């Protein structure tokens, strides 16, 4: 699970950052090596509004590394 928190922004923006920066690549290991983790990778984006102290959450499956 990869978690990203955005203050005064949306959960979608947090998940977009996870995808754009390639955070899931750390789970795949180095080129030519067997992956260190072979399960499903979840991206969890949380948006928090300072003024209202409300939050929203969104979860997406990034990939399934089963081999």
Protein backbone atom coordinates (compact mmCIF):
# COMPACT_ATOMS: atom_id res chain seq x y z
CA UNK A 1 0.00 0.00 0.00
CA UNK A 2 1.26 3.44 -0.94
CA UNK A 3 -0.26 6.33 0.98
CA UNK A 4 -0.16 9.99 -0.06
CA UNK A 5 -1.73 12.85 1.90
CA UNK A 6 -2.58 16.17 0.28
CA UNK A 7 -3.56 19.16 2.39
CA UNK A 8 -6.20 21.41 0.81
CA UNK A 9 -6.29 19.19 -2.28
CA UNK A 10 -8.19 16.15 -3.54
CA UNK A 11 -7.56 12.43 -3.11
CA UNK A 12 -7.38 12.20 -6.89
CA UNK A 13 -4.42 14.60 -6.90
CA UNK A 14 -2.67 12.41 -4.34
CA UNK A 15 -3.14 9.27 -6.46
CA UNK A 16 -2.03 11.17 -9.56
CA UNK A 17 1.22 12.04 -7.75
CA UNK A 18 1.75 8.39 -6.79
CA UNK A 19 1.38 7.38 -10.46
CA UNK A 20 3.45 10.24 -11.92
CA UNK A 21 6.39 9.78 -9.56
CA UNK A 22 6.40 5.99 -9.99
CA UNK A 23 6.26 5.13 -6.30
CA UNK A 24 5.20 1.55 -7.11
CA UNK A 25 8.49 0.87 -8.90
CA UNK A 26 10.18 0.32 -5.53
CA UNK A 27 8.14 -2.86 -5.10
CA UNK A 28 9.29 -4.31 -8.42
CA UNK A 29 12.97 -4.52 -7.48
CA UNK A 30 15.98 -3.94 -9.70
CA UNK A 31 16.10 -4.83 -13.37
CA UNK A 32 16.73 -8.55 -13.85
CA UNK A 33 15.90 -9.42 -10.24
CA UNK A 34 12.85 -11.21 -9.00
CA UNK A 35 10.29 -8.76 -7.58
CA UNK A 36 10.53 -8.34 -3.80
CA UNK A 37 6.75 -8.15 -3.50
CA UNK A 38 4.45 -10.17 -5.71
CA UNK A 39 1.00 -9.05 -4.57
CA UNK A 40 -1.38 -6.27 -5.41
CA UNK A 41 -0.21 -2.67 -4.96
CA UNK A 42 -2.82 -0.22 -3.69
CA UNK A 43 -2.59 3.56 -3.99
CA UNK A 44 -4.39 5.40 -1.21
CA UNK A 45 -4.96 9.12 -1.69
CA UNK A 46 -6.17 11.27 1.18
CA UNK A 47 -7.29 14.88 0.83
CA UNK A 48 -7.51 16.97 4.01
CA UNK A 49 -9.14 20.40 4.26
CA UNK A 50 -7.56 22.56 6.97
CA UNK A 51 -10.49 24.94 7.39
CA UNK A 52 -13.24 22.35 7.75
CA UNK A 53 -11.04 19.57 9.17
CA UNK A 54 -12.76 17.19 6.75
CA UNK A 55 -11.02 14.48 4.81
CA UNK A 56 -11.77 12.30 1.81
CA UNK A 57 -10.10 9.10 0.71
CA UNK A 58 -9.75 7.20 -2.56
CA UNK A 59 -8.18 3.76 -3.11
CA UNK A 60 -7.03 2.37 -6.47
CA UNK A 61 -5.25 -0.80 -7.50
CA UNK A 62 -2.02 0.20 -9.24
CA UNK A 63 -0.88 -3.23 -10.34
CA UNK A 64 -0.84 -6.91 -9.63
CA UNK A 65 2.74 -8.21 -9.65
CA UNK A 66 1.97 -11.92 -9.40
CA UNK A 67 4.35 -13.86 -11.60
